[in-house]
Amino acid sequence: MAPKRARDEDATQSTDSTNQKKPRTGFRVGPDNLPDGAWKRKVTKIKKNLITKAKVKKQYAKVKAQVQAELEKRPVQQYGDSPATSDPSQPQKPAASPTIHPSRLNNLGPRSPSGPADGPNPNLLDPTHPDLQPRQPRHNSNRKHRPDYYSKELSAAQKAREAAEKRAAEIARREAEKQARIADRERFRKQMAKAKAPGKDGKRKVGREGKLLLERVQRLVGDAK
């Protein structure tokens, strides 16, 4: 079956609906129902940045179009020779030769076409001439010495290192003296025990014991001094 012909009212309504402009709602970056907080502030900031960039881009395109239009309106300049200068009937002026400084002219010697014709510059043949001497570095005596920013730290570290070495040496000396006293006491104890032991006749060795006691007294008196 053939389709039914639409009525005129329906046709006019459809054309009116198509001709109606849709309202501009803008663009969305995130959901609209975000609660107040960090996420909503972040979405708002991103949207503002996008709007600003779009405006700048649009303004740049407008300025660029204006500049291009102005350049197109300007007349094209001819960079070639003008008819007055390119006319072969008129005499052409010779090009000016570059000028050379007189001092350089003297140094060049006979190689320069306008230089002296009598021979090379004698200054070039003299090895003692100041121009041929190597440049000496300039030493400014008035220049202040730059402060060493780490000098204080280095000196403090050196002092701390020396103090640590002194402490270690003192500890080693005291330990050696302590070990020597312990060994001396142990030796005296063994000798005294041997002296107190009875001999073959069952008597104590008084002479040896007295000698050991005298040696101990002398050592104590010497340490007291």
C-alpha atoms as a PDB file:
ATOM      1  CA  MET A   1       0.000   0.000   0.000  1.00  0.00           C
ATOM      2  CA  ALA A   2       1.133   3.524  -0.726  1.00  0.00           C
ATOM      3  CA  PRO A   3       1.924   5.662   2.342  1.00  0.00           C
ATOM      4  CA  LYS A   4      -0.662   8.154   3.407  1.00  0.00           C
ATOM      5  CA  ARG A   5      -0.120  11.760   2.480  1.00  0.00           C
ATOM      6  CA  ALA A   6       0.654  13.931   5.454  1.00  0.00           C
ATOM      7  CA  ARG A   7      -1.715  16.697   6.261  1.00  0.00           C
ATOM      8  CA  ASP A   8      -0.735  20.290   5.765  1.00  0.00           C
ATOM      9  CA  GLU A   9      -0.965  21.031   9.497  1.00  0.00           C
ATOM     10  CA  ASP A  10       1.471  18.268  10.333  1.00  0.00           C
ATOM     11  CA  ALA A  11       3.878  19.535   7.668  1.00  0.00           C
ATOM     12  CA  THR A  12       3.783  23.094   8.995  1.00  0.00           C
ATOM     13  CA  GLN A  13       4.305  21.890  12.569  1.00  0.00           C
ATOM     14  CA  SER A  14       7.328  19.811  11.538  1.00  0.00           C
ATOM     15  CA  THR A  15       8.887  22.761   9.662  1.00  0.00           C
ATOM     16  CA  ASP A  16       8.263  25.078  12.614  1.00  0.00           C
ATOM     17  CA  SER A  17       9.907  22.616  14.990  1.00  0.00           C
ATOM     18  CA  THR A  18      12.979  22.347  12.766  1.00  0.00           C
ATOM     19  CA  ASN A  19      13.245  26.121  12.358  1.00  0.00           C
ATOM     20  CA  GLN A  20      13.202  26.715  16.107  1.00  0.00           C
ATOM     21  CA  LYS A  21      16.643  27.383  17.530  1.00  0.00           C
ATOM     22  CA  LYS A  22      17.836  25.210  20.325  1.00  0.00           C
ATOM     23  CA  PRO A  23      18.790  27.054  23.495  1.00  0.00           C
ATOM     24  CA  ARG A  24      22.505  27.276  24.130  1.00  0.00           C
ATOM     25  CA  THR A  25      23.272  25.486  27.341  1.00  0.00           C
ATOM     26  CA  GLY A  26      27.076  25.829  27.120  1.00  0.00           C
ATOM     27  CA  PHE A  27      29.516  23.014  27.705  1.00  0.00           C
ATOM     28  CA  ARG A  28      30.036  20.887  30.740  1.00  0.00           C
ATOM     29  CA  VAL A  29      33.309  19.780  32.241  1.00  0.00           C
ATOM     30  CA  GLY A  30      31.906  17.652  35.043  1.00  0.00           C
ATOM     31  CA  PRO A  31      28.570  16.698  36.549  1.00  0.00           C
ATOM     32  CA  ASP A  32      26.283  19.522  37.624  1.00  0.00           C
ATOM     33  CA  ASN A  33      25.206  17.934  40.896  1.00  0.00           C
ATOM     34  CA  LEU A  34      28.602  18.047  42.581  1.00  0.00           C
ATOM     35  CA  PRO A  35      28.487  19.146  46.234  1.00  0.00           C
ATOM     36  CA  ASP A  36      30.401  22.176  47.399  1.00  0.00           C
ATOM     37  CA  GLY A  37      33.989  21.157  47.962  1.00  0.00           C
ATOM     38  CA  ALA A  38      37.356  20.583  46.365  1.00  0.00           C
ATOM     39  CA  TRP A  39      35.997  18.670  43.344  1.00  0.00           C
ATOM     40  CA  LYS A  40      33.503  21.371  42.443  1.00  0.00           C
ATOM     41  CA  ARG A  41      36.138  24.101  42.772  1.00  0.00           C
ATOM     42  CA  LYS A  42      38.488  22.089  40.573  1.00  0.00           C
ATOM     43  CA  VAL A  43      35.821  21.605  37.878  1.00  0.00           C
ATOM     44  CA  THR A  44      34.969  25.334  37.967  1.00  0.00           C
ATOM     45  CA  LYS A  45      38.643  26.281  37.640  1.00  0.00           C
ATOM     46  CA  ILE A  46      39.125  23.975  34.631  1.00  0.00           C
ATOM     47  CA  LYS A  47      36.030  25.416  32.939  1.00  0.00           C
ATOM     48  CA  LYS A  48      37.246  29.006  33.459  1.00  0.00           C
ATOM     49  CA  ASN A  49      40.656  28.130  32.026  1.00  0.00           C
ATOM     50  CA  LEU A  50      39.066  26.582  28.935  1.00  0.00           C
ATOM     51  CA  ILE A  51      36.862  29.645  28.401  1.00  0.00           C
ATOM     52  CA  THR A  52      39.869  31.979  28.752  1.00  0.00           C
ATOM     53  CA  LYS A  53      41.921  29.950  26.262  1.00  0.00           C
ATOM     54  CA  ALA A  54      39.048  29.948  23.755  1.00  0.00           C
ATOM     55  CA  LYS A  55      38.700  33.740  24.021  1.00  0.00           C
ATOM     56  CA  VAL A  56      42.434  34.254  23.573  1.00  0.00           C
ATOM     57  CA  LYS A  57      42.465  31.959  20.548  1.00  0.00           C
ATOM     58  CA  LYS A  58      39.533  33.804  18.993  1.00  0.00           C
ATOM     59  CA  GLN A  59      41.165  37.195  19.602  1.00  0.00           C
ATOM     60  CA  TYR A  60      44.451  35.942  18.129  1.00  0.00           C
ATOM     61  CA  ALA A  61      42.688  34.746  14.980  1.00  0.00           C
ATOM     62  CA  LYS A  62      41.005  38.140  14.622  1.00  0.00           C
ATOM     63  CA  VAL A  63      44.283  40.064  15.033  1.00  0.00           C
ATOM     64  CA  LYS A  64      46.054  37.725  12.620  1.00  0.00           C
ATOM     65  CA  ALA A  65      43.360  38.274   9.989  1.00  0.00           C
ATOM     66  CA  GLN A  66      43.673  42.066  10.392  1.00  0.00           C
ATOM     67  CA  VAL A  67      47.465  41.946  10.018  1.00  0.00           C
ATOM     68  CA  GLN A  68      47.237  39.784   6.918  1.00  0.00           C
ATOM     69  CA  ALA A  69      44.678  42.158   5.393  1.00  0.00           C
ATOM     70  CA  GLU A  70      46.989  45.133   6.040  1.00  0.00           C
ATOM     71  CA  LEU A  71      49.932  43.304   4.480  1.00  0.00           C
ATOM     72  CA  GLU A  72      47.906  42.487   1.390  1.00  0.00           C
ATOM     73  CA  LYS A  73      46.912  46.146   0.983  1.00  0.00           C
ATOM     74  CA  ARG A  74      50.535  47.379   1.060  1.00  0.00           C
ATOM     75  CA  PRO A  75      52.263  47.792  -2.336  1.00  0.00           C
ATOM     76  CA  VAL A  76      54.981  45.318  -3.200  1.00  0.00           C
ATOM     77  CA  GLN A  77      58.422  46.946  -3.045  1.00  0.00           C
ATOM     78  CA  GLN A  78      60.899  46.348  -5.844  1.00  0.00           C
ATOM     79  CA  TYR A  79      64.284  45.366  -4.459  1.00  0.00           C
ATOM     80  CA  GLY A  80      65.995  45.209  -7.878  1.00  0.00           C
ATOM     81  CA  ASP A  81      67.829  47.979  -9.668  1.00  0.00           C
ATOM     82  CA  SER A  82      65.737  51.001 -10.486  1.00  0.00           C
ATOM     83  CA  PRO A  83      65.361  52.061 -14.130  1.00  0.00           C
ATOM     84  CA  ALA A  84      67.513  55.112 -13.509  1.00  0.00           C
ATOM     85  CA  THR A  85      70.447  53.036 -12.279  1.00  0.00           C
ATOM     86  CA  SER A  86      69.963  50.192 -14.763  1.00  0.00           C
ATOM     87  CA  ASP A  87      70.102  52.485 -17.785  1.00  0.00           C
ATOM     88  CA  PRO A  88      73.304  51.540 -19.703  1.00  0.00           C
ATOM     89  CA  SER A  89      73.568  55.007 -21.304  1.00  0.00           C
ATOM     90  CA  GLN A  90      74.284  56.665 -17.960  1.00  0.00           C
ATOM     91  CA  PRO A  91      77.814  56.312 -16.590  1.00  0.00           C
ATOM     92  CA  GLN A  92      78.033  54.113 -13.550  1.00  0.00           C
ATOM     93  CA  LYS A  93      79.986  55.233 -10.527  1.00  0.00           C
ATOM     94  CA  PRO A  94      82.780  52.920  -9.466  1.00  0.00           C
ATOM     95  CA  ALA A  95      82.227  51.108  -6.213  1.00  0.00           C
ATOM     96  CA  ALA A  96      84.081  52.586  -3.284  1.00  0.00           C
ATOM     97  CA  SER A  97      86.955  50.398  -2.139  1.00  0.00           C
ATOM     98  CA  PRO A  98      87.067  49.570   1.575  1.00  0.00           C
ATOM     99  CA  THR A  99      89.425  51.714   3.578  1.00  0.00           C
ATOM    100  CA  ILE A 100      92.122  50.133   5.759  1.00  0.00           C
ATOM    101  CA  HIS A 101      93.428  51.578   8.978  1.00  0.00           C
ATOM    102  CA  PRO A 102      96.978  53.022   8.627  1.00  0.00           C
ATOM    103  CA  SER A 103      98.381  50.886  11.469  1.00  0.00           C
ATOM    104  CA  ARG A 104      97.052  47.710   9.880  1.00  0.00           C
ATOM    105  CA  LEU A 105      98.367  48.928   6.548  1.00  0.00           C
ATOM    106  CA  ASN A 106     101.878  49.172   8.021  1.00  0.00           C
ATOM    107  CA  ASN A 107     101.640  45.681   9.513  1.00  0.00           C
ATOM    108  CA  LEU A 108     100.517  44.154   6.244  1.00  0.00           C
ATOM    109  CA  GLY A 109     103.629  45.374   4.442  1.00  0.00           C
ATOM    110  CA  PRO A 110     103.899  44.824   0.668  1.00  0.00           C
ATOM    111  CA  ARG A 111     100.870  42.518   0.540  1.00  0.00           C
ATOM    112  CA  SER A 112      98.568  45.518   0.514  1.00  0.00           C
ATOM    113  CA  PRO A 113      98.192  47.095  -2.940  1.00  0.00           C
ATOM    114  CA  SER A 114      98.212  50.575  -1.440  1.00  0.00           C
ATOM    115  CA  GLY A 115     101.002  49.823   1.052  1.00  0.00           C
ATOM    116  CA  PRO A 116     104.633  50.962   0.881  1.00  0.00           C
ATOM    117  CA  ALA A 117     106.626  49.491  -1.995  1.00  0.00           C
ATOM    118  CA  ASP A 118     110.072  49.730  -0.378  1.00  0.00           C
ATOM    119  CA  GLY A 119     109.792  46.439   1.543  1.00  0.00           C
ATOM    120  CA  PRO A 120     108.141  44.691   4.431  1.00  0.00           C
ATOM    121  CA  ASN A 121     107.538  46.319   7.724  1.00  0.00           C
ATOM    122  CA  PRO A 122     110.732  46.070   9.833  1.00  0.00           C
ATOM    123  CA  ASN A 123     108.606  45.656  12.955  1.00  0.00           C
ATOM    124  CA  LEU A 124     107.461  42.278  11.661  1.00  0.00           C
ATOM    125  CA  LEU A 125     111.063  41.076  11.372  1.00  0.00           C
ATOM    126  CA  ASP A 126     112.045  42.184  14.883  1.00  0.00           C
ATOM    127  CA  PRO A 127     111.233  39.406  17.388  1.00  0.00           C
ATOM    128  CA  THR A 128     111.654  41.825  20.294  1.00  0.00           C
ATOM    129  CA  HIS A 129     108.908  44.104  19.055  1.00  0.00           C
ATOM    130  CA  PRO A 130     106.118  44.437  21.635  1.00  0.00           C
ATOM    131  CA  ASP A 131     103.494  43.528  19.033  1.00  0.00           C
ATOM    132  CA  LEU A 132     105.119  40.107  18.558  1.00  0.00           C
ATOM    133  CA  GLN A 133     105.577  39.354  22.252  1.00  0.00           C
ATOM    134  CA  PRO A 134     103.072  36.958  23.867  1.00  0.00           C
ATOM    135  CA  ARG A 135     100.508  38.595  26.028  1.00  0.00           C
ATOM    136  CA  GLN A 136     101.163  38.317  29.712  1.00  0.00           C
ATOM    137  CA  PRO A 137      98.237  37.713  32.041  1.00  0.00           C
ATOM    138  CA  ARG A 138      97.273  40.775  33.965  1.00  0.00           C
ATOM    139  CA  HIS A 139      97.462  40.478  37.724  1.00  0.00           C
ATOM    140  CA  ASN A 140      95.439  43.050  39.528  1.00  0.00           C
ATOM    141  CA  SER A 141      97.057  43.614  42.896  1.00  0.00           C
ATOM    142  CA  ASN A 142      94.080  45.636  44.087  1.00  0.00           C
ATOM    143  CA  ARG A 143      91.727  42.726  43.513  1.00  0.00           C
ATOM    144  CA  LYS A 144      90.474  41.428  46.824  1.00  0.00           C
ATOM    145  CA  HIS A 145      90.885  37.778  47.636  1.00  0.00           C
ATOM    146  CA  ARG A 146      87.617  35.926  47.552  1.00  0.00           C
ATOM    147  CA  PRO A 147      86.635  34.621  50.983  1.00  0.00           C
ATOM    148  CA  ASP A 148      86.702  30.875  51.381  1.00  0.00           C
ATOM    149  CA  TYR A 149      83.190  30.066  52.526  1.00  0.00           C
ATOM    150  CA  TYR A 150      84.281  26.675  53.835  1.00  0.00           C
ATOM    151  CA  SER A 151      87.407  27.818  55.685  1.00  0.00           C
ATOM    152  CA  LYS A 152      85.615  27.975  59.039  1.00  0.00           C
ATOM    153  CA  GLU A 153      84.083  24.555  58.537  1.00  0.00           C
ATOM    154  CA  LEU A 154      87.411  23.075  57.442  1.00  0.00           C
ATOM    155  CA  SER A 155      89.281  24.576  60.395  1.00  0.00           C
ATOM    156  CA  ALA A 156      86.599  23.350  62.811  1.00  0.00           C
ATOM    157  CA  ALA A 157      86.771  19.862  61.302  1.00  0.00           C
ATOM    158  CA  GLN A 158      90.583  19.887  61.565  1.00  0.00           C
ATOM    159  CA  LYS A 159      90.403  20.925  65.229  1.00  0.00           C
ATOM    160  CA  ALA A 160      87.818  18.249  65.965  1.00  0.00           C
ATOM    161  CA  ARG A 161      89.996  15.638  64.233  1.00  0.00           C
ATOM    162  CA  GLU A 162      93.064  16.686  66.252  1.00  0.00           C
ATOM    163  CA  ALA A 163      91.078  16.608  69.493  1.00  0.00           C
ATOM    164  CA  ALA A 164      89.773  13.121  68.678  1.00  0.00           C
ATOM    165  CA  GLU A 165      93.320  11.925  67.948  1.00  0.00           C
ATOM    166  CA  LYS A 166      94.541  13.369  71.272  1.00  0.00           C
ATOM    167  CA  ARG A 167      91.716  11.665  73.157  1.00  0.00           C
ATOM    168  CA  ALA A 168      92.465   8.355  71.446  1.00  0.00           C
ATOM    169  CA  ALA A 169      96.185   8.678  72.289  1.00  0.00           C
ATOM    170  CA  GLU A 170      95.379   9.507  75.921  1.00  0.00           C
ATOM    171  CA  ILE A 171      93.033   6.527  76.192  1.00  0.00           C
ATOM    172  CA  ALA A 172      95.691   4.247  74.692  1.00  0.00           C
ATOM    173  CA  ARG A 173      98.332   5.584  77.129  1.00  0.00           C
ATOM    174  CA  ARG A 174      96.089   5.059  80.143  1.00  0.00           C
ATOM    175  CA  GLU A 175      95.200   1.568  78.984  1.00  0.00           C
ATOM    176  CA  ALA A 176      98.898   0.727  78.566  1.00  0.00           C
ATOM    177  CA  GLU A 177      99.666   2.047  82.077  1.00  0.00           C
ATOM    178  CA  LYS A 178      96.775   0.051  83.484  1.00  0.00           C
ATOM    179  CA  GLN A 179      97.974  -3.152  81.832  1.00  0.00           C
ATOM    180  CA  ALA A 180     101.536  -2.454  83.088  1.00  0.00           C
ATOM    181  CA  ARG A 181     100.303  -1.995  86.693  1.00  0.00           C
ATOM    182  CA  ILE A 182      98.254  -5.173  86.479  1.00  0.00           C
ATOM    183  CA  ALA A 183     101.253  -7.112  85.173  1.00  0.00           C
ATOM    184  CA  ASP A 184     103.488  -5.601  87.902  1.00  0.00           C
ATOM    185  CA  ARG A 185     101.046  -6.556  90.651  1.00  0.00           C
ATOM    186  CA  GLU A 186     100.725 -10.062  89.284  1.00  0.00           C
ATOM    187  CA  ARG A 187     104.514 -10.416  89.162  1.00  0.00           C
ATOM    188  CA  PHE A 188     104.860  -9.088  92.735  1.00  0.00           C
ATOM    189  CA  ARG A 189     102.158 -11.464  93.955  1.00  0.00           C
ATOM    190  CA  LYS A 190     103.897 -14.461  92.426  1.00  0.00           C
ATOM    191  CA  GLN A 191     107.302 -13.414  93.824  1.00  0.00           C
ATOM    192  CA  MET A 192     105.821 -12.791  97.278  1.00  0.00           C
ATOM    193  CA  ALA A 193     104.064 -16.140  97.247  1.00  0.00           C
ATOM    194  CA  LYS A 194     107.318 -17.798  96.260  1.00  0.00           C
ATOM    195  CA  ALA A 195     109.203 -15.935  99.017  1.00  0.00           C
ATOM    196  CA  LYS A 196     106.634 -16.863 101.702  1.00  0.00           C
ATOM    197  CA  ALA A 197     106.741 -20.502 100.736  1.00  0.00           C
ATOM    198  CA  PRO A 198     108.872 -22.532 103.223  1.00  0.00           C
ATOM    199  CA  GLY A 199     112.188 -23.813 101.999  1.00  0.00           C
ATOM    200  CA  LYS A 200     113.717 -27.234 102.341  1.00  0.00           C
ATOM    201  CA  ASP A 201     114.335 -26.631 106.004  1.00  0.00           C
ATOM    202  CA  GLY A 202     110.689 -25.538 106.549  1.00  0.00           C
ATOM    203  CA  LYS A 203     111.517 -21.862 107.168  1.00  0.00           C
ATOM    204  CA  ARG A 204     110.330 -18.748 105.272  1.00  0.00           C
ATOM    205  CA  LYS A 205     112.761 -16.896 103.010  1.00  0.00           C
ATOM    206  CA  VAL A 206     112.853 -13.658 104.965  1.00  0.00           C
ATOM    207  CA  GLY A 207     115.658 -12.119 102.938  1.00  0.00           C
ATOM    208  CA  ARG A 208     113.865 -12.508  99.652  1.00  0.00           C
ATOM    209  CA  GLU A 209     110.570 -11.316 101.182  1.00  0.00           C
ATOM    210  CA  GLY A 210     112.246  -8.238 102.675  1.00  0.00           C
ATOM    211  CA  LYS A 211     113.844  -7.388  99.360  1.00  0.00           C
ATOM    212  CA  LEU A 212     110.486  -7.527  97.624  1.00  0.00           C
ATOM    213  CA  LEU A 213     108.848  -5.365 100.296  1.00  0.00           C
ATOM    214  CA  LEU A 214     111.645  -2.790 100.056  1.00  0.00           C
ATOM    215  CA  GLU A 215     111.266  -2.641  96.281  1.00  0.00           C
ATOM    216  CA  ARG A 216     107.532  -2.104  96.658  1.00  0.00           C
ATOM    217  CA  VAL A 217     108.031   0.691  99.196  1.00  0.00           C
ATOM    218  CA  GLN A 218     110.528   2.427  96.919  1.00  0.00           C
ATOM    219  CA  ARG A 219     108.091   2.212  94.034  1.00  0.00           C
ATOM    220  CA  LEU A 220     105.265   3.666  96.117  1.00  0.00           C
ATOM    221  CA  VAL A 221     107.472   6.513  97.342  1.00  0.00           C
ATOM    222  CA  GLY A 222     108.581   7.251  93.787  1.00  0.00           C
ATOM    223  CA  ASP A 223     104.980   7.332  92.547  1.00  0.00           C
ATOM    224  CA  ALA A 224     104.045   9.666  95.392  1.00  0.00           C
ATOM    225  CA  LYS A 225     106.732  12.144  94.372  1.00  0.00           C
END
